[in-house]
Amino acid sequence: MSLQHTMRDALFAARSIGFVMSENLHRRHLEPTQRAACALRARDLYDQRAKERQVRKSQNSVQEDLPEKNQQARDEVGKVFGVSGGLVEHVKRITTTESRS
C-alpha cells in the first residue's frame, strides 16, 4: 500500500468522523467530559493525519486545506466533538493513569 493511498484513507476516515459527529452529536445529551472521551477514541485517526502531513511537508507537495496550519491533532478532534484539545488531553492522561493502576 502506497503512502499516498494510506494518506487518502486517513483523510477520508477523519472527514467521515467529522461529518457523522456534526450530524449526530447534537442529538446526544453528553457532558463535555463524555464528548472528550469520544474524541479520544477518534484521536488516533487525527494523529495519523498529522504524521502524514509532517511527511508530506518535507516532500514539498501540495498542502491540505486546513483551517489552521499549526493546529495539533488533539485540537482538531476536540473541535469536531465540541470540546477543547486540552480537555481531550486531560481525559487521555486520566485514562492512561487508570490503566496503569
Foldseek 3Di string as FASTA:
>chain_A
DDLVVVLVVLVVVVVVLLVVLVVPVVVDPDDLLVLLVVLLVVLVSLQVNVVSQVVVVVVPDDHDPDPDDPDHSLQVSCVSSVHGSVSNVVSVVVVVVVVVD
